[in-house]
Amino acid sequence: MPTDTALRRLVAATATALGPEAPTLCTPWDVRELVAHLVVRESRPDALPGIGLDVPALKRHTAGVQASLAALPFEELVARFASGPPRWWPTRLPAIGEPANTAELAIHHEDMVRAQPGWAPTELDRRTQLVLWRTLTTVGRLHYRSAPVGVVAVAEGEVHGRVALRGPRPGGGTVVLRGTPLELILHAFGRTGVARLRAEGTDADIEALAGHTRAA
């Protein structure tokens, strides 16, 4: 089973268990609005520009589309997400869907889980962790491109690897981040406060990286 298919089922099950009004890390979205966002990104091409571009008119349109989906009965909304994208959507093909969706779904699943009291990290299988690691080695450079220090990620657990995501600034140091691919990719996508990993470096460099704002 493709990793994004398994994660889709997991996201749907977790959303159903938590309920529509449960909080998420994507403030101010609750679970209902987060699921609506996931439906928008893989079924409404007209609304996609408003997700990635900071253009007021585009963002207003996307917000309107998302709000209309969020107004659906919650069970219907979750079922629509669980059924996957339309047949004509590119990520319907496993060769495209797995690399395009695995990180998105894994991160947003943790956005739900880790916003709850007493949360515990989700245990993902080796194949999913491997896809997350491959994603990190490419998009991670984009997310850390403006980091004030060098960044090296070291994968631990069932998947092992090491990659430099940002070279050190002139005269500066480097922070080494160690954790599973899931924790590393959560950190790369701005979930610094909930990513369970180890940061190695000087106190000043670690503090500087902690204050670095990355795309969500």
N, C-alpha and C. Protein backbone atom coordinates (compact mmCIF):
# COMPACT_ATOMS: atom_id res chain seq x y z
N MET A 1 0.85 -1.20 0.00
CA MET A 1 0.00 0.00 0.00
C MET A 1 0.88 1.25 0.00
N PRO A 2 0.63 2.20 -0.90
CA PRO A 2 1.40 3.45 -0.90
C PRO A 2 1.33 4.15 0.46
N THR A 3 2.41 4.82 0.82
CA THR A 3 2.45 5.45 2.14
C THR A 3 1.39 6.52 2.31
N ASP A 4 1.07 7.25 1.24
CA ASP A 4 0.05 8.30 1.38
C ASP A 4 -1.34 7.70 1.56
N THR A 5 -1.58 6.52 1.02
CA THR A 5 -2.87 5.87 1.21
C THR A 5 -3.04 5.46 2.67
N ALA A 6 -1.99 4.87 3.25
CA ALA A 6 -2.05 4.48 4.65
C ALA A 6 -2.21 5.69 5.55
N LEU A 7 -1.50 6.77 5.24
CA LEU A 7 -1.61 7.99 6.04
C LEU A 7 -2.98 8.63 5.90
N ARG A 8 -3.57 8.54 4.73
CA ARG A 8 -4.91 9.09 4.52
C ARG A 8 -5.90 8.41 5.47
N ARG A 9 -5.79 7.10 5.56
CA ARG A 9 -6.67 6.35 6.46
C ARG A 9 -6.42 6.75 7.91
N LEU A 10 -5.14 6.95 8.25
CA LEU A 10 -4.79 7.32 9.61
C LEU A 10 -5.33 8.71 9.96
N VAL A 11 -5.17 9.66 9.04
CA VAL A 11 -5.67 11.01 9.26
C VAL A 11 -7.19 11.00 9.44
N ALA A 12 -7.89 10.26 8.59
CA ALA A 12 -9.35 10.19 8.68
C ALA A 12 -9.77 9.58 10.01
N ALA A 13 -9.10 8.52 10.43
CA ALA A 13 -9.45 7.87 11.69
C ALA A 13 -9.18 8.78 12.88
N THR A 14 -8.06 9.47 12.86
CA THR A 14 -7.72 10.37 13.96
C THR A 14 -8.68 11.55 14.02
N ALA A 15 -9.01 12.11 12.86
CA ALA A 15 -9.95 13.24 12.82
C ALA A 15 -11.30 12.82 13.38
N THR A 16 -11.75 11.65 13.00
CA THR A 16 -13.04 11.14 13.49
C THR A 16 -12.99 10.93 15.00
N ALA A 17 -11.90 10.36 15.49
CA ALA A 17 -11.77 10.10 16.92
C ALA A 17 -11.72 11.38 17.75
N LEU A 18 -11.03 12.39 17.23
CA LEU A 18 -10.89 13.65 17.96
C LEU A 18 -12.14 14.50 17.89
N GLY A 19 -12.82 14.47 16.75
CA GLY A 19 -14.01 15.29 16.58
C GLY A 19 -13.71 16.61 15.90
N PRO A 20 -14.70 17.25 15.31
CA PRO A 20 -14.48 18.44 14.49
C PRO A 20 -13.96 19.66 15.24
N GLU A 21 -14.24 19.79 16.51
CA GLU A 21 -13.86 20.99 17.25
C GLU A 21 -12.56 20.85 18.02
N ALA A 22 -11.89 19.73 17.90
CA ALA A 22 -10.61 19.56 18.60
C ALA A 22 -9.58 20.53 18.04
N PRO A 23 -8.69 21.05 18.87
CA PRO A 23 -7.68 22.00 18.39
C PRO A 23 -6.61 21.32 17.56
N THR A 24 -5.90 22.11 16.77
CA THR A 24 -4.75 21.63 16.02
C THR A 24 -3.60 22.61 16.23
N LEU A 25 -2.44 22.24 15.77
CA LEU A 25 -1.30 23.16 15.83
C LEU A 25 -1.39 24.26 14.78
N CYS A 26 -2.30 24.11 13.82
CA CYS A 26 -2.48 25.11 12.76
C CYS A 26 -3.50 26.16 13.21
N THR A 27 -3.19 26.82 14.30
CA THR A 27 -4.08 27.84 14.83
C THR A 27 -4.38 28.90 13.78
N PRO A 28 -5.65 29.32 13.59
CA PRO A 28 -6.82 29.04 14.42
C PRO A 28 -7.67 27.86 13.94
N TRP A 29 -7.14 27.03 13.06
CA TRP A 29 -7.94 25.92 12.55
C TRP A 29 -8.19 24.87 13.62
N ASP A 30 -9.41 24.36 13.63
CA ASP A 30 -9.70 23.16 14.40
C ASP A 30 -9.61 21.97 13.45
N VAL A 31 -9.96 20.77 13.92
CA VAL A 31 -9.84 19.58 13.08
C VAL A 31 -10.71 19.69 11.83
N ARG A 32 -11.89 20.23 11.97
CA ARG A 32 -12.79 20.39 10.82
C ARG A 32 -12.12 21.23 9.73
N GLU A 33 -11.56 22.35 10.12
CA GLU A 33 -10.95 23.25 9.14
C GLU A 33 -9.68 22.66 8.54
N LEU A 34 -8.95 21.88 9.33
CA LEU A 34 -7.75 21.24 8.80
C LEU A 34 -8.11 20.20 7.75
N VAL A 35 -9.14 19.42 8.01
CA VAL A 35 -9.58 18.43 7.02
C VAL A 35 -10.08 19.14 5.76
N ALA A 36 -10.80 20.24 5.94
CA ALA A 36 -11.27 21.00 4.77
C ALA A 36 -10.09 21.50 3.94
N HIS A 37 -9.03 21.93 4.60
CA HIS A 37 -7.82 22.36 3.89
C HIS A 37 -7.25 21.22 3.05
N LEU A 38 -7.21 20.02 3.62
CA LEU A 38 -6.66 18.87 2.90
C LEU A 38 -7.51 18.54 1.68
N VAL A 39 -8.80 18.71 1.78
CA VAL A 39 -9.68 18.47 0.62
C VAL A 39 -9.44 19.53 -0.44
N VAL A 40 -9.30 20.78 -0.03
CA VAL A 40 -9.08 21.88 -0.97
C VAL A 40 -7.81 21.64 -1.79
N ARG A 41 -6.73 21.24 -1.13
CA ARG A 41 -5.43 21.15 -1.81
C ARG A 41 -5.36 20.04 -2.85
N GLU A 42 -6.33 19.12 -2.83
CA GLU A 42 -6.27 18.06 -3.82
C GLU A 42 -7.56 17.90 -4.62
N SER A 43 -8.38 18.96 -4.64
CA SER A 43 -9.60 18.87 -5.46
C SER A 43 -10.03 20.20 -6.06
N ARG A 44 -9.42 21.31 -5.62
CA ARG A 44 -9.83 22.62 -6.12
C ARG A 44 -8.63 23.38 -6.67
N PRO A 45 -8.27 23.15 -7.93
CA PRO A 45 -7.12 23.84 -8.50
C PRO A 45 -7.25 25.35 -8.49
N ASP A 46 -8.50 25.84 -8.54
CA ASP A 46 -8.71 27.29 -8.52
C ASP A 46 -8.31 27.90 -7.18
N ALA A 47 -8.28 27.08 -6.12
CA ALA A 47 -7.96 27.60 -4.79
C ALA A 47 -6.51 27.37 -4.39
N LEU A 48 -5.75 26.63 -5.17
CA LEU A 48 -4.37 26.32 -4.80
C LEU A 48 -3.47 27.56 -4.72
N PRO A 49 -3.59 28.53 -5.64
CA PRO A 49 -2.70 29.70 -5.53
C PRO A 49 -2.82 30.43 -4.20
N GLY A 50 -4.00 30.43 -3.62
CA GLY A 50 -4.20 31.11 -2.35
C GLY A 50 -3.57 30.39 -1.18
N ILE A 51 -3.16 29.14 -1.37
CA ILE A 51 -2.47 28.41 -0.31
C ILE A 51 -0.99 28.79 -0.28
N GLY A 52 -0.40 28.91 -1.45
CA GLY A 52 1.03 29.14 -1.51
C GLY A 52 1.47 30.58 -1.75
N LEU A 53 0.57 31.45 -2.21
CA LEU A 53 0.95 32.82 -2.54
C LEU A 53 0.30 33.81 -1.58
N ASP A 54 1.09 34.77 -1.12
CA ASP A 54 0.58 35.77 -0.18
C ASP A 54 -0.03 36.95 -0.95
N VAL A 55 -1.11 36.64 -1.67
CA VAL A 55 -1.85 37.65 -2.44
C VAL A 55 -3.25 37.72 -1.85
N PRO A 56 -3.64 38.86 -1.29
CA PRO A 56 -4.91 38.96 -0.57
C PRO A 56 -6.12 38.41 -1.33
N ALA A 57 -6.26 38.76 -2.60
CA ALA A 57 -7.43 38.30 -3.35
C ALA A 57 -7.45 36.79 -3.49
N LEU A 58 -6.28 36.21 -3.73
CA LEU A 58 -6.19 34.76 -3.86
C LEU A 58 -6.47 34.07 -2.53
N LYS A 59 -5.93 34.65 -1.46
CA LYS A 59 -6.13 34.05 -0.14
C LYS A 59 -7.60 34.13 0.27
N ARG A 60 -8.28 35.21 -0.09
CA ARG A 60 -9.70 35.33 0.23
C ARG A 60 -10.52 34.27 -0.49
N HIS A 61 -10.17 34.04 -1.76
CA HIS A 61 -10.89 33.01 -2.52
C HIS A 61 -10.68 31.63 -1.90
N THR A 62 -9.44 31.32 -1.56
CA THR A 62 -9.14 30.03 -0.95
C THR A 62 -9.87 29.87 0.38
N ALA A 63 -9.87 30.93 1.17
CA ALA A 63 -10.56 30.88 2.46
C ALA A 63 -12.05 30.64 2.28
N GLY A 64 -12.64 31.25 1.24
CA GLY A 64 -14.06 31.04 0.97
C GLY A 64 -14.37 29.61 0.56
N VAL A 65 -13.51 29.04 -0.29
CA VAL A 65 -13.69 27.65 -0.71
C VAL A 65 -13.55 26.72 0.48
N GLN A 66 -12.55 26.98 1.30
CA GLN A 66 -12.33 26.12 2.48
C GLN A 66 -13.50 26.22 3.45
N ALA A 67 -14.02 27.43 3.64
CA ALA A 67 -15.15 27.62 4.55
C ALA A 67 -16.39 26.88 4.07
N SER A 68 -16.60 26.85 2.75
CA SER A 68 -17.77 26.16 2.22
C SER A 68 -17.65 24.65 2.44
N LEU A 69 -16.43 24.12 2.34
CA LEU A 69 -16.22 22.70 2.60
C LEU A 69 -16.36 22.40 4.09
N ALA A 70 -15.84 23.29 4.91
CA ALA A 70 -15.92 23.08 6.36
C ALA A 70 -17.36 23.11 6.86
N ALA A 71 -18.24 23.72 6.09
CA ALA A 71 -19.65 23.79 6.48
C ALA A 71 -20.39 22.48 6.24
N LEU A 72 -19.78 21.55 5.51
CA LEU A 72 -20.41 20.25 5.28
C LEU A 72 -20.53 19.50 6.61
N PRO A 73 -21.48 18.57 6.71
CA PRO A 73 -21.49 17.70 7.89
C PRO A 73 -20.12 17.04 8.04
N PHE A 74 -19.64 16.97 9.27
CA PHE A 74 -18.26 16.51 9.49
C PHE A 74 -18.02 15.12 8.93
N GLU A 75 -18.96 14.21 9.11
CA GLU A 75 -18.79 12.86 8.59
C GLU A 75 -18.63 12.87 7.08
N GLU A 76 -19.39 13.74 6.41
CA GLU A 76 -19.31 13.84 4.96
C GLU A 76 -17.96 14.42 4.53
N LEU A 77 -17.49 15.41 5.27
CA LEU A 77 -16.21 16.03 4.97
C LEU A 77 -15.07 15.02 5.10
N VAL A 78 -15.07 14.26 6.19
CA VAL A 78 -14.02 13.26 6.41
C VAL A 78 -14.10 12.18 5.34
N ALA A 79 -15.31 11.76 4.98
CA ALA A 79 -15.47 10.74 3.95
C ALA A 79 -14.96 11.24 2.61
N ARG A 80 -15.17 12.51 2.34
CA ARG A 80 -14.68 13.08 1.07
C ARG A 80 -13.16 13.08 1.05
N PHE A 81 -12.54 13.41 2.17
CA PHE A 81 -11.08 13.35 2.25
C PHE A 81 -10.59 11.92 2.12
N ALA A 82 -11.23 11.00 2.83
CA ALA A 82 -10.80 9.61 2.86
C ALA A 82 -10.90 8.95 1.49
N SER A 83 -11.81 9.42 0.66
CA SER A 83 -11.98 8.81 -0.67
C SER A 83 -10.87 9.21 -1.63
N GLY A 84 -10.08 10.19 -1.25
CA GLY A 84 -8.96 10.60 -2.09
C GLY A 84 -9.35 11.64 -3.12
N PRO A 85 -8.39 12.11 -3.89
CA PRO A 85 -8.64 13.14 -4.89
C PRO A 85 -9.47 12.60 -6.06
N PRO A 86 -10.01 13.50 -6.87
CA PRO A 86 -10.76 13.05 -8.06
C PRO A 86 -9.86 12.22 -8.98
N ARG A 87 -10.48 11.45 -9.85
CA ARG A 87 -9.71 10.57 -10.74
C ARG A 87 -8.78 11.35 -11.66
N TRP A 88 -9.12 12.60 -11.95
CA TRP A 88 -8.31 13.39 -12.86
C TRP A 88 -7.16 14.12 -12.15
N TRP A 89 -7.12 14.05 -10.82
CA TRP A 89 -6.08 14.76 -10.07
C TRP A 89 -4.76 14.00 -10.16
N PRO A 90 -3.64 14.68 -10.43
CA PRO A 90 -2.36 13.99 -10.65
C PRO A 90 -1.95 13.05 -9.51
N THR A 91 -2.21 13.45 -8.26
CA THR A 91 -1.74 12.62 -7.15
C THR A 91 -2.57 11.36 -6.97
N ARG A 92 -3.57 11.16 -7.82
CA ARG A 92 -4.30 9.89 -7.80
C ARG A 92 -3.36 8.75 -8.22
N LEU A 93 -2.33 9.09 -8.99
CA LEU A 93 -1.34 8.10 -9.41
C LEU A 93 -0.35 7.88 -8.27
N PRO A 94 -0.15 6.64 -7.85
CA PRO A 94 0.76 6.37 -6.73
C PRO A 94 2.16 6.94 -6.92
N ALA A 95 2.65 6.93 -8.15
CA ALA A 95 4.01 7.42 -8.40
C ALA A 95 4.13 8.92 -8.10
N ILE A 96 3.01 9.63 -8.17
CA ILE A 96 3.01 11.06 -7.87
C ILE A 96 2.49 11.30 -6.45
N GLY A 97 1.45 10.58 -6.09
CA GLY A 97 0.81 10.80 -4.80
C GLY A 97 1.70 10.52 -3.61
N GLU A 98 2.48 9.44 -3.68
CA GLU A 98 3.31 9.08 -2.52
C GLU A 98 4.33 10.16 -2.20
N PRO A 99 5.16 10.62 -3.15
CA PRO A 99 6.12 11.67 -2.80
C PRO A 99 5.47 13.03 -2.53
N ALA A 100 4.33 13.29 -3.16
CA ALA A 100 3.69 14.60 -3.01
C ALA A 100 2.89 14.72 -1.72
N ASN A 101 2.33 13.62 -1.24
CA ASN A 101 1.39 13.67 -0.13
C ASN A 101 1.90 13.14 1.19
N THR A 102 2.91 12.30 1.19
CA THR A 102 3.32 11.64 2.43
C THR A 102 3.69 12.64 3.52
N ALA A 103 4.56 13.59 3.20
CA ALA A 103 4.96 14.58 4.21
C ALA A 103 3.78 15.44 4.64
N GLU A 104 2.98 15.89 3.68
CA GLU A 104 1.82 16.73 4.00
C GLU A 104 0.89 16.03 4.98
N LEU A 105 0.57 14.78 4.71
CA LEU A 105 -0.37 14.05 5.56
C LEU A 105 0.26 13.70 6.90
N ALA A 106 1.52 13.32 6.91
CA ALA A 106 2.18 12.99 8.17
C ALA A 106 2.25 14.22 9.09
N ILE A 107 2.61 15.35 8.52
CA ILE A 107 2.71 16.58 9.31
C ILE A 107 1.35 17.01 9.84
N HIS A 108 0.34 17.01 8.99
CA HIS A 108 -0.97 17.45 9.44
C HIS A 108 -1.60 16.44 10.41
N HIS A 109 -1.23 15.18 10.29
CA HIS A 109 -1.70 14.22 11.29
C HIS A 109 -1.13 14.59 12.66
N GLU A 110 0.16 14.92 12.70
CA GLU A 110 0.76 15.32 13.97
C GLU A 110 0.22 16.67 14.44
N ASP A 111 -0.21 17.53 13.51
CA ASP A 111 -0.84 18.79 13.91
C ASP A 111 -2.09 18.54 14.74
N MET A 112 -2.78 17.46 14.44
CA MET A 112 -3.94 17.10 15.25
C MET A 112 -3.51 16.42 16.55
N VAL A 113 -2.68 15.40 16.42
CA VAL A 113 -2.29 14.60 17.58
C VAL A 113 -1.58 15.43 18.64
N ARG A 114 -0.60 16.24 18.23
CA ARG A 114 0.26 16.93 19.19
C ARG A 114 -0.35 18.21 19.75
N ALA A 115 -1.56 18.52 19.33
CA ALA A 115 -2.28 19.64 19.93
C ALA A 115 -3.13 19.19 21.11
N GLN A 116 -3.14 17.88 21.37
CA GLN A 116 -3.98 17.34 22.44
C GLN A 116 -3.15 17.11 23.71
N PRO A 117 -3.78 17.22 24.87
CA PRO A 117 -3.05 16.96 26.13
C PRO A 117 -2.55 15.52 26.17
N GLY A 118 -1.34 15.34 26.70
CA GLY A 118 -0.80 14.02 26.89
C GLY A 118 -0.48 13.25 25.62
N TRP A 119 -0.20 13.97 24.54
CA TRP A 119 0.05 13.32 23.25
C TRP A 119 1.34 12.49 23.28
N ALA A 120 1.40 11.54 22.37
CA ALA A 120 2.60 10.73 22.16
C ALA A 120 2.89 10.70 20.67
N PRO A 121 4.16 10.65 20.28
CA PRO A 121 4.50 10.62 18.85
C PRO A 121 3.89 9.41 18.15
N THR A 122 3.47 9.60 16.93
CA THR A 122 2.93 8.50 16.13
C THR A 122 4.08 7.61 15.65
N GLU A 123 3.91 6.32 15.78
CA GLU A 123 4.92 5.38 15.29
C GLU A 123 4.60 5.03 13.84
N LEU A 124 5.47 5.43 12.95
CA LEU A 124 5.29 5.18 11.52
C LEU A 124 6.20 4.05 11.07
N ASP A 125 5.76 3.33 10.07
CA ASP A 125 6.56 2.21 9.57
C ASP A 125 7.80 2.70 8.82
N ARG A 126 8.70 1.80 8.58
CA ARG A 126 9.98 2.16 7.97
C ARG A 126 9.81 2.78 6.59
N ARG A 127 8.89 2.24 5.78
CA ARG A 127 8.72 2.77 4.44
C ARG A 127 8.26 4.23 4.48
N THR A 128 7.34 4.54 5.38
CA THR A 128 6.87 5.92 5.49
C THR A 128 8.00 6.83 5.96
N GLN A 129 8.78 6.36 6.95
CA GLN A 129 9.90 7.16 7.43
C GLN A 129 10.92 7.39 6.31
N LEU A 130 11.11 6.39 5.45
CA LEU A 130 12.05 6.54 4.34
C LEU A 130 11.58 7.60 3.35
N VAL A 131 10.28 7.61 3.04
CA VAL A 131 9.75 8.63 2.14
C VAL A 131 9.89 10.02 2.78
N LEU A 132 9.65 10.12 4.07
CA LEU A 132 9.81 11.39 4.77
C LEU A 132 11.26 11.86 4.72
N TRP A 133 12.19 10.93 4.87
CA TRP A 133 13.61 11.29 4.81
C TRP A 133 13.98 11.79 3.42
N ARG A 134 13.50 11.11 2.39
CA ARG A 134 13.79 11.56 1.03
C ARG A 134 13.22 12.95 0.78
N THR A 135 12.06 13.20 1.32
CA THR A 135 11.46 14.52 1.17
C THR A 135 12.28 15.58 1.88
N LEU A 136 12.72 15.26 3.09
CA LEU A 136 13.51 16.21 3.87
C LEU A 136 14.80 16.58 3.16
N THR A 137 15.45 15.62 2.52
CA THR A 137 16.74 15.89 1.88
C THR A 137 16.61 16.84 0.69
N THR A 138 15.40 17.03 0.20
CA THR A 138 15.19 17.96 -0.92
C THR A 138 14.56 19.27 -0.43
N VAL A 139 13.37 19.20 0.14
CA VAL A 139 12.67 20.43 0.53
C VAL A 139 13.27 21.05 1.78
N GLY A 140 14.02 20.27 2.56
CA GLY A 140 14.63 20.82 3.77
C GLY A 140 15.55 21.98 3.47
N ARG A 141 16.24 21.92 2.36
CA ARG A 141 17.14 23.02 1.99
C ARG A 141 16.38 24.32 1.76
N LEU A 142 15.16 24.20 1.24
CA LEU A 142 14.34 25.38 1.02
C LEU A 142 13.89 25.98 2.35
N HIS A 143 13.51 25.13 3.28
CA HIS A 143 12.98 25.62 4.55
C HIS A 143 14.05 26.23 5.45
N TYR A 144 15.28 25.77 5.30
CA TYR A 144 16.35 26.32 6.13
C TYR A 144 17.24 27.31 5.39
N ARG A 145 16.81 27.72 4.21
CA ARG A 145 17.69 28.54 3.38
C ARG A 145 18.08 29.86 4.04
N SER A 146 17.20 30.40 4.90
CA SER A 146 17.52 31.67 5.58
C SER A 146 17.93 31.46 7.02
N ALA A 147 18.22 30.23 7.41
CA ALA A 147 18.62 29.96 8.79
C ALA A 147 19.90 30.72 9.13
N PRO A 148 20.02 31.21 10.35
CA PRO A 148 21.20 32.00 10.73
C PRO A 148 22.43 31.16 10.99
N VAL A 149 22.28 29.84 10.99
CA VAL A 149 23.41 28.94 11.24
C VAL A 149 23.34 27.79 10.24
N GLY A 150 24.40 27.02 10.17
CA GLY A 150 24.38 25.82 9.36
C GLY A 150 23.47 24.77 10.00
N VAL A 151 22.87 23.92 9.17
CA VAL A 151 21.96 22.89 9.68
C VAL A 151 22.30 21.55 9.03
N VAL A 152 22.54 20.55 9.87
CA VAL A 152 22.77 19.19 9.41
C VAL A 152 21.73 18.30 10.07
N ALA A 153 21.04 17.48 9.29
CA ALA A 153 20.04 16.56 9.81
C ALA A 153 20.61 15.14 9.81
N VAL A 154 20.42 14.45 10.90
CA VAL A 154 20.87 13.06 11.02
C VAL A 154 19.67 12.20 11.38
N ALA A 155 19.32 11.29 10.50
CA ALA A 155 18.17 10.41 10.72
C ALA A 155 18.58 9.25 11.62
N GLU A 156 17.72 8.96 12.61
CA GLU A 156 17.96 7.87 13.53
C GLU A 156 16.75 6.95 13.56
N GLY A 157 16.92 5.78 14.14
CA GLY A 157 15.83 4.81 14.16
C GLY A 157 16.02 3.79 13.05
N GLU A 158 14.92 3.37 12.43
CA GLU A 158 15.01 2.37 11.37
C GLU A 158 15.63 2.93 10.09
N VAL A 159 15.52 4.25 9.89
CA VAL A 159 16.08 4.89 8.70
C VAL A 159 17.28 5.72 9.13
N HIS A 160 18.40 5.53 8.48
CA HIS A 160 19.63 6.23 8.84
C HIS A 160 20.10 7.08 7.66
N GLY A 161 20.65 8.23 7.98
CA GLY A 161 21.19 9.09 6.94
C GLY A 161 21.69 10.39 7.54
N ARG A 162 22.40 11.14 6.75
CA ARG A 162 22.95 12.43 7.19
C ARG A 162 22.96 13.35 5.99
N VAL A 163 22.47 14.57 6.16
CA VAL A 163 22.45 15.50 5.06
C VAL A 163 22.63 16.93 5.57
N ALA A 164 23.44 17.71 4.85
CA ALA A 164 23.61 19.12 5.17
C ALA A 164 22.50 19.90 4.48
N LEU A 165 21.68 20.59 5.26
CA LEU A 165 20.54 21.32 4.72
C LEU A 165 20.82 22.82 4.58
N ARG A 166 21.84 23.28 5.29
CA ARG A 166 22.23 24.68 5.19
C ARG A 166 23.69 24.79 5.59
N GLY A 167 24.50 25.40 4.74
CA GLY A 167 25.89 25.61 5.08
C GLY A 167 26.03 26.70 6.13
N PRO A 168 27.08 26.68 6.93
CA PRO A 168 27.26 27.71 7.96
C PRO A 168 27.50 29.08 7.34
N ARG A 169 27.05 30.09 8.05
CA ARG A 169 27.35 31.45 7.65
C ARG A 169 28.84 31.72 7.86
N PRO A 170 29.41 32.70 7.16
CA PRO A 170 30.83 33.02 7.37
C PRO A 170 31.10 33.31 8.85
N GLY A 171 32.02 32.56 9.41
CA GLY A 171 32.37 32.76 10.80
C GLY A 171 31.38 32.16 11.78
N GLY A 172 30.33 31.50 11.27
CA GLY A 172 29.30 30.96 12.15
C GLY A 172 29.45 29.47 12.35
N GLY A 173 28.54 28.92 13.14
CA GLY A 173 28.59 27.51 13.46
C GLY A 173 27.47 26.72 12.80
N THR A 174 27.37 25.48 13.20
CA THR A 174 26.37 24.57 12.64
C THR A 174 25.65 23.85 13.77
N VAL A 175 24.36 23.63 13.58
CA VAL A 175 23.56 22.84 14.53
C VAL A 175 23.25 21.50 13.87
N VAL A 176 23.50 20.43 14.60
CA VAL A 176 23.18 19.09 14.12
C VAL A 176 21.88 18.65 14.79
N LEU A 177 20.89 18.29 13.98
CA LEU A 177 19.60 17.83 14.48
C LEU A 177 19.52 16.32 14.32
N ARG A 178 19.23 15.62 15.40
CA ARG A 178 19.15 14.16 15.39
C ARG A 178 17.77 13.68 15.81
N GLY A 179 17.16 12.82 15.00
CA GLY A 179 15.86 12.28 15.33
C GLY A 179 15.35 11.41 14.21
N THR A 180 14.17 10.89 14.36
CA THR A 180 13.57 10.11 13.26
C THR A 180 13.20 11.07 12.13
N PRO A 181 13.04 10.56 10.92
CA PRO A 181 12.63 11.44 9.82
C PRO A 181 11.35 12.21 10.12
N LEU A 182 10.39 11.61 10.83
CA LEU A 182 9.16 12.33 11.16
C LEU A 182 9.48 13.55 12.02
N GLU A 183 10.29 13.38 13.05
CA GLU A 183 10.62 14.50 13.93
C GLU A 183 11.42 15.56 13.19
N LEU A 184 12.33 15.12 12.33
CA LEU A 184 13.15 16.07 11.58
C LEU A 184 12.30 16.89 10.61
N ILE A 185 11.34 16.24 9.96
CA ILE A 185 10.55 16.99 8.98
C ILE A 185 9.56 17.91 9.69
N LEU A 186 9.11 17.52 10.87
CA LEU A 186 8.27 18.43 11.66
C LEU A 186 9.04 19.69 12.01
N HIS A 187 10.29 19.52 12.40
CA HIS A 187 11.13 20.68 12.72
C HIS A 187 11.34 21.55 11.48
N ALA A 188 11.62 20.92 10.35
CA ALA A 188 11.86 21.67 9.12
C ALA A 188 10.65 22.49 8.71
N PHE A 189 9.45 21.98 8.98
CA PHE A 189 8.23 22.67 8.61
C PHE A 189 7.69 23.54 9.75
N GLY A 190 8.54 23.91 10.68
CA GLY A 190 8.18 24.91 11.67
C GLY A 190 7.53 24.41 12.94
N ARG A 191 7.41 23.09 13.12
CA ARG A 191 6.82 22.57 14.36
C ARG A 191 7.91 22.37 15.41
N THR A 192 8.70 23.40 15.63
CA THR A 192 9.87 23.32 16.51
C THR A 192 9.49 22.90 17.92
N GLY A 193 8.40 23.43 18.43
CA GLY A 193 8.03 23.18 19.82
C GLY A 193 7.60 21.77 20.13
N VAL A 194 7.20 21.00 19.12
CA VAL A 194 6.72 19.64 19.37
C VAL A 194 7.60 18.57 18.73
N ALA A 195 8.60 18.96 17.99
CA ALA A 195 9.48 17.99 17.35
C ALA A 195 10.43 17.41 18.39
N ARG A 196 10.37 16.10 18.58
CA ARG A 196 11.21 15.45 19.58
C ARG A 196 12.51 14.99 18.94
N LEU A 197 13.50 15.86 19.02
CA LEU A 197 14.82 15.56 18.47
C LEU A 197 15.87 16.18 19.36
N ARG A 198 17.12 15.89 19.07
CA ARG A 198 18.24 16.45 19.82
C ARG A 198 18.98 17.44 18.94
N ALA A 199 19.27 18.59 19.50
CA ALA A 199 20.03 19.61 18.79
C ALA A 199 21.41 19.69 19.40
N GLU A 200 22.44 19.57 18.57
CA GLU A 200 23.82 19.62 19.03
C GLU A 200 24.52 20.83 18.42
N GLY A 201 25.22 21.59 19.25
CA GLY A 201 25.91 22.78 18.81
C GLY A 201 26.12 23.69 20.00
N THR A 202 26.62 24.87 19.77
CA THR A 202 26.77 25.80 20.88
C THR A 202 25.39 26.31 21.31
N ASP A 203 25.30 26.75 22.54
CA ASP A 203 24.02 27.28 23.03
C ASP A 203 23.54 28.44 22.15
N ALA A 204 24.47 29.28 21.73
CA ALA A 204 24.09 30.44 20.91
C ALA A 204 23.55 30.00 19.56
N ASP A 205 24.17 29.01 18.95
CA ASP A 205 23.71 28.55 17.64
C ASP A 205 22.36 27.85 17.75
N ILE A 206 22.19 27.03 18.79
CA ILE A 206 20.91 26.35 18.99
C ILE A 206 19.80 27.36 19.24
N GLU A 207 20.09 28.38 20.03
CA GLU A 207 19.09 29.42 20.31
C GLU A 207 18.74 30.19 19.04
N ALA A 208 19.74 30.46 18.22
CA ALA A 208 19.51 31.20 16.98
C ALA A 208 18.61 30.39 16.03
N LEU A 209 18.85 29.09 15.94
CA LEU A 209 18.02 28.27 15.07
C LEU A 209 16.60 28.14 15.62
N ALA A 210 16.49 28.08 16.95
CA ALA A 210 15.16 27.99 17.56
C ALA A 210 14.31 29.21 17.25
N GLY A 211 14.96 30.33 17.06
CA GLY A 211 14.22 31.57 16.75
C GLY A 211 13.98 31.79 15.27
N HIS A 212 14.48 30.88 14.43
CA HIS A 212 14.32 31.02 12.99
C HIS A 212 12.91 30.62 12.56
N THR A 213 12.26 31.48 11.80
CA THR A 213 10.90 31.21 11.32
C THR A 213 10.96 30.49 9.99
N ARG A 214 10.26 29.34 9.93
CA ARG A 214 10.22 28.56 8.70
C ARG A 214 8.78 28.43 8.24
N ALA A 215 8.61 28.09 6.96
CA ALA A 215 7.26 27.96 6.41
C ALA A 215 6.55 26.80 7.06
N ALA A 216 5.23 26.97 7.30
CA ALA A 216 4.44 25.91 7.89
C ALA A 216 3.99 24.94 6.83
